[in-house]
Amino acid sequence: MTKEDLLSLIENKRSELILIGSKYGLSSPLALERSQELDMLLNQYDRYSVPEELVNS
């Protein structure tokens, strides 16, 4: 997966979270699930920013 693919997924997940949060509240189980999914995508994206030497040490 490319960095651009991840950015697109992140934006889509963020939009989903905003819609769900406004409809059901940010503490709803569905919003919490989407928030965790967004966190995972953001963590994956962050790995692209870390130099390879630090990842393997």
Protein backbone atom coordinates (compact mmCIF):
# COMPACT_ATOMS: atom_id res chain seq x y z
CA MET A 1 0.00 0.00 0.00
CA THR A 2 1.37 3.40 -0.93
CA LYS A 3 1.49 6.47 1.26
CA GLU A 4 -1.13 8.08 -1.00
CA ASP A 5 -3.44 5.06 -0.60
CA LEU A 6 -3.16 5.37 3.17
CA LEU A 7 -3.93 9.09 3.04
CA SER A 8 -7.08 8.35 1.07
CA LEU A 9 -8.15 5.65 3.55
CA ILE A 10 -7.44 8.01 6.45
CA GLU A 11 -9.58 10.77 4.96
CA ASN A 12 -12.44 8.34 4.27
CA LYS A 13 -12.27 6.89 7.78
CA ARG A 14 -12.15 10.39 9.28
CA SER A 15 -15.27 11.36 7.31
CA GLU A 16 -17.04 8.21 8.51
CA LEU A 17 -16.11 9.01 12.10
CA ILE A 18 -17.42 12.56 11.83
CA LEU A 19 -20.75 11.39 10.39
CA ILE A 20 -21.17 8.65 12.98
CA GLY A 21 -20.11 10.95 15.80
CA SER A 22 -22.61 13.62 14.81
CA LYS A 23 -25.42 11.08 14.52
CA TYR A 24 -24.74 8.76 17.47
CA GLY A 25 -22.21 10.64 19.60
CA LEU A 26 -18.47 10.20 19.82
CA SER A 27 -18.74 7.77 22.73
CA SER A 28 -21.04 5.39 20.86
CA PRO A 29 -19.67 1.89 20.23
CA LEU A 30 -19.70 2.48 16.46
CA ALA A 31 -17.78 5.75 16.78
CA LEU A 32 -15.24 4.13 19.09
CA GLU A 33 -14.74 1.32 16.57
CA ARG A 34 -14.18 3.79 13.73
CA SER A 35 -11.83 5.80 15.93
CA GLN A 36 -9.72 2.72 16.60
CA GLU A 37 -9.66 1.93 12.88
CA LEU A 38 -8.53 5.49 12.17
CA ASP A 39 -5.82 5.17 14.83
CA MET A 40 -4.51 2.03 13.15
CA LEU A 41 -4.37 3.76 9.77
CA LEU A 42 -2.61 6.77 11.28
CA ASN A 43 -0.05 4.48 12.92
CA GLN A 44 0.59 2.80 9.58
CA TYR A 45 1.04 6.21 7.98
CA ASP A 46 3.48 7.26 10.70
CA ARG A 47 5.64 4.25 9.89
CA TYR A 48 6.30 5.80 6.47
CA SER A 49 7.83 8.82 8.23
CA VAL A 50 10.21 6.87 10.48
CA PRO A 51 13.68 6.20 9.05
CA GLU A 52 14.24 2.50 8.28
CA GLU A 53 17.18 2.33 10.74
CA LEU A 54 14.88 3.19 13.64
CA VAL A 55 12.21 0.66 12.62
CA ASN A 56 14.68 -2.22 12.61
CA SER A 57 16.55 -1.33 15.79
